[in-house]
Protein backbone atom coordinates (compact mmCIF):
# COMPACT_ATOMS: atom_id res chain seq x y z
CA UNK A 1 4.88 -2.68 59.64
CA UNK A 2 8.40 -4.19 59.97
CA UNK A 3 8.11 -7.93 60.00
CA UNK A 4 11.39 -9.00 57.99
CA UNK A 5 15.00 -7.83 58.47
CA UNK A 6 17.66 -8.71 55.95
CA UNK A 7 21.43 -8.68 56.93
CA UNK A 8 23.82 -7.49 54.26
CA UNK A 9 27.48 -7.90 55.30
CA UNK A 10 30.92 -9.10 54.44
CA UNK A 11 31.80 -12.55 55.98
CA UNK A 12 35.29 -11.09 57.05
CA UNK A 13 32.69 -9.17 59.61
CA UNK A 14 31.30 -12.27 61.23
CA UNK A 15 31.96 -11.40 64.47
CA UNK A 16 30.18 -7.96 64.24
CA UNK A 17 27.05 -9.42 62.62
CA UNK A 18 26.68 -12.03 65.38
CA UNK A 19 27.16 -9.38 68.20
CA UNK A 20 24.62 -7.21 66.65
CA UNK A 21 22.09 -10.22 66.32
CA UNK A 22 22.72 -11.06 69.94
CA UNK A 23 22.01 -7.62 71.13
CA UNK A 24 18.74 -6.99 68.93
CA UNK A 25 17.57 -10.50 69.99
CA UNK A 26 15.08 -9.28 72.52
CA UNK A 27 13.09 -6.77 70.10
CA UNK A 28 13.25 -9.44 67.52
CA UNK A 29 11.41 -11.58 69.82
CA UNK A 30 9.15 -9.05 71.01
CA UNK A 31 7.96 -8.07 67.72
CA UNK A 32 8.18 -11.53 66.31
CA UNK A 33 10.31 -10.38 63.58
CA UNK A 34 11.78 -12.69 60.91
CA UNK A 35 15.48 -12.62 60.28
CA UNK A 36 17.27 -13.45 57.04
CA UNK A 37 21.08 -14.03 56.83
CA UNK A 38 22.89 -15.99 54.20
CA UNK A 39 23.94 -18.57 56.75
CA UNK A 40 20.33 -20.00 56.45
CA UNK A 41 20.84 -20.73 53.06
CA UNK A 42 20.56 -24.67 52.77
CA UNK A 43 23.20 -26.67 50.40
CA UNK A 44 21.76 -27.09 46.76
CA UNK A 45 19.83 -23.92 47.02
CA UNK A 46 20.31 -21.31 44.41
CA UNK A 47 22.50 -18.65 46.24
CA UNK A 48 21.62 -15.79 44.19
CA UNK A 49 17.98 -16.35 43.76
CA UNK A 50 17.69 -16.93 47.62
CA UNK A 51 19.31 -13.80 48.51
CA UNK A 52 17.48 -11.56 46.18
CA UNK A 53 14.26 -13.10 47.14
CA UNK A 54 14.76 -12.37 50.76
CA UNK A 55 16.13 -9.02 50.07
CA UNK A 56 12.95 -8.07 48.09
CA UNK A 57 10.77 -9.52 50.84
CA UNK A 58 12.27 -7.72 53.69
CA UNK A 59 11.20 -4.58 55.25
CA UNK A 60 14.49 -3.43 56.70
CA UNK A 61 17.97 -4.18 55.27
CA UNK A 62 20.90 -3.77 57.77
CA UNK A 63 23.96 -2.73 55.81
CA UNK A 64 27.09 -3.71 58.00
CA UNK A 65 29.73 -1.29 56.30
CA UNK A 66 33.39 -1.98 56.45
CA UNK A 67 36.17 -1.65 53.87
CA UNK A 68 35.53 -5.42 52.94
CA UNK A 69 31.99 -4.59 52.35
CA UNK A 70 32.51 -1.64 50.08
CA UNK A 71 35.04 -3.75 48.07
CA UNK A 72 32.77 -6.57 47.43
CA UNK A 73 30.76 -6.32 44.30
CA UNK A 74 27.80 -8.44 45.62
CA UNK A 75 27.46 -6.50 48.78
CA UNK A 76 27.29 -3.36 47.11
CA UNK A 77 24.64 -5.00 44.74
CA UNK A 78 22.70 -5.58 47.80
CA UNK A 79 23.24 -2.07 48.75
CA UNK A 80 21.84 -0.67 45.85
CA UNK A 81 18.67 -2.64 46.02
CA UNK A 82 18.24 -1.56 49.44
CA UNK A 83 18.59 2.03 48.80
CA UNK A 84 16.44 2.00 45.72
CA UNK A 85 13.67 0.44 47.84
CA UNK A 86 14.06 2.73 50.89
CA UNK A 87 14.76 -0.02 53.11
CA UNK A 88 18.59 0.73 53.85
CA UNK A 89 19.70 1.03 57.37
CA UNK A 90 23.53 1.63 57.61
CA UNK A 91 25.51 0.11 60.21
CA UNK A 92 29.20 1.15 60.43
CA UNK A 93 31.25 -1.52 61.66
CA UNK A 94 34.96 -0.36 60.69
CA UNK A 95 36.10 2.79 59.28
CA UNK A 96 35.60 2.95 55.68
CA UNK A 97 35.00 5.28 52.96
CA UNK A 98 31.13 4.97 53.17
CA UNK A 99 30.51 8.75 52.99
CA UNK A 100 31.20 8.49 48.96
CA UNK A 101 28.56 6.15 48.41
CA UNK A 102 25.01 6.88 47.93
CA UNK A 103 24.40 5.99 51.71
CA UNK A 104 25.86 9.38 52.81
CA UNK A 105 22.38 10.92 52.79
CA UNK A 106 21.12 8.40 55.19
CA UNK A 107 21.47 8.29 58.81
CA UNK A 108 23.83 5.89 59.85
CA UNK A 109 24.31 3.91 63.07
CA UNK A 110 25.79 4.06 65.81
CA UNK A 111 25.16 7.64 66.75
CA UNK A 112 26.84 10.01 64.17
CA UNK A 113 28.06 7.12 62.20
CA UNK A 114 30.89 6.33 64.33
CA UNK A 115 32.16 2.71 63.79
CA UNK A 116 31.45 0.13 66.19
CA UNK A 117 35.20 -1.01 66.39
CA UNK A 118 36.25 2.69 67.64
CA UNK A 119 33.97 2.44 70.68
CA UNK A 120 35.49 2.12 74.03
CA UNK A 121 32.40 -0.06 74.86
CA UNK A 122 31.25 -2.24 71.98
CA UNK A 123 28.24 -2.98 74.10
CA UNK A 124 27.42 0.60 74.13
CA UNK A 125 27.41 0.86 70.37
CA UNK A 126 25.32 -2.14 70.01
CA UNK A 127 23.04 -0.80 72.23
CA UNK A 128 22.57 2.43 70.59
CA UNK A 129 21.82 0.56 67.36
CA UNK A 130 19.26 -1.67 69.17
CA UNK A 131 17.49 1.40 70.52
CA UNK A 132 17.25 2.99 67.18
CA UNK A 133 15.88 -0.15 65.48
CA UNK A 134 13.41 -0.56 68.19
CA UNK A 135 12.16 3.13 67.58
CA UNK A 136 11.96 2.36 63.73
CA UNK A 137 9.96 -0.81 64.49
CA UNK A 138 7.39 1.08 66.97
CA UNK A 139 6.79 3.90 64.58
CA UNK A 140 6.10 1.42 61.81
CA UNK A 141 3.35 -0.01 63.95
CA UNK A 142 1.51 3.23 63.62
CA UNK A 143 1.73 3.21 59.60
CA UNK A 144 -1.24 2.41 57.36
CA UNK A 145 -0.11 1.24 54.14
CA UNK A 146 -1.93 2.56 51.25
CA UNK A 147 -2.78 0.38 48.05
CA UNK A 148 -2.16 2.12 44.93
CA UNK A 149 -5.59 2.78 43.94
CA UNK A 150 -6.65 4.45 47.42
CA UNK A 151 -3.41 6.41 47.31
CA UNK A 152 -4.14 7.71 43.95
CA UNK A 153 -7.65 8.88 45.11
CA UNK A 154 -5.98 10.48 48.12
CA UNK A 155 -3.72 12.23 45.95
CA UNK A 156 -6.53 13.61 43.82
CA UNK A 157 -8.02 15.50 46.70
CA UNK A 158 -4.50 16.94 47.99
CA UNK A 159 -4.78 14.51 50.93
CA UNK A 160 -1.66 12.70 50.45
CA UNK A 161 1.83 14.07 49.27
CA UNK A 162 2.78 12.28 45.80
CA UNK A 163 6.04 11.23 47.41
CA UNK A 164 4.36 9.67 50.52
CA UNK A 165 3.57 6.25 50.23
CA UNK A 166 2.28 5.65 53.70
CA UNK A 167 0.24 7.59 56.17
CA UNK A 168 0.01 7.48 59.92
CA UNK A 169 -2.91 7.06 62.28
CA UNK A 170 -2.12 10.77 63.33
CA UNK A 171 -2.62 11.78 59.78
CA UNK A 172 -6.20 10.57 59.73
CA UNK A 173 -7.46 10.43 63.36
CA UNK A 174 -9.08 13.33 65.18
CA UNK A 175 -9.70 12.92 68.87
CA UNK A 176 -13.50 13.54 69.48
CA UNK A 177 -14.77 15.74 72.30
CA UNK A 178 -16.76 13.93 74.78
CA UNK A 179 -19.52 15.61 77.28
CA UNK A 180 -19.93 14.47 80.73
CA UNK A 181 -23.21 12.81 81.79
CA UNK A 182 -24.35 16.36 83.03
CA UNK A 183 -23.39 17.98 79.88
CA UNK A 184 -21.68 20.70 81.78
CA UNK A 185 -18.14 20.16 80.31
CA UNK A 186 -16.42 18.81 77.28
CA UNK A 187 -13.52 16.38 77.59
CA UNK A 188 -11.10 14.85 74.98
CA UNK A 189 -10.09 11.44 74.67
CA UNK A 190 -6.60 12.23 75.64
CA UNK A 191 -7.51 14.00 78.76
CA UNK A 192 -9.53 11.09 80.02
CA UNK A 193 -6.65 8.67 79.43
CA UNK A 194 -4.21 10.78 81.24
CA UNK A 195 -6.16 11.34 84.23
CA UNK A 196 -5.52 8.75 87.05
CA UNK A 197 -8.78 8.80 88.55
CA UNK A 198 -10.42 7.01 85.87
CA UNK A 199 -9.40 3.32 86.47
CA UNK A 200 -11.93 2.19 83.55
CA UNK A 201 -13.33 3.96 80.62
CA UNK A 202 -16.41 3.05 78.75
CA UNK A 203 -17.21 4.75 75.92
CA UNK A 204 -20.77 4.46 74.34
CA UNK A 205 -22.53 5.82 71.54
CA UNK A 206 -24.87 5.28 68.72
CA UNK A 207 -24.11 2.42 66.18
CA UNK A 208 -21.56 3.29 63.37
CA UNK A 209 -20.79 6.69 65.30
CA UNK A 210 -17.02 5.70 65.20
């Protein structure tokens, strides 16, 4: 489940990060997601310590890429941590040589990695980013995070692939068949829920039946 987003960017791209935050504000509110941006660091705080702490705690890291970002040693350090932990979401703000860095194998936003600055409508570019992030967040709601001990047990019975750290509800849940009260026909849960004639559905079964 995605509960915290970290923004990694160059301060020379402030206008891009500000607009991005504005466009995704509705989904941030809807899913009660915590945002971290270095502007939130208070005076007197250890800058590097606070940034790395929040970077590690975050579930997604939005990398706002530009020539200034790629030229920054600190930004590329954040990028390396995000990639290593499979948290990176590349967003191309301005034309830059991003395909030569490890991000080249990660799908970039907006669509096809076209820089925001090159779109006729910047709003359309930000909307594309917002929609992709919404899908990412909604998909994460259906994921069951496996504890290491449980994951090892699943791997022993070939249930979970060694490279898969999470399983979805679809991996584990099987819709049961249900008989009508006259036992003449079987129904699936999906058929019942998709049928408009059922305004309310009560499912009753023996204790511990699932």
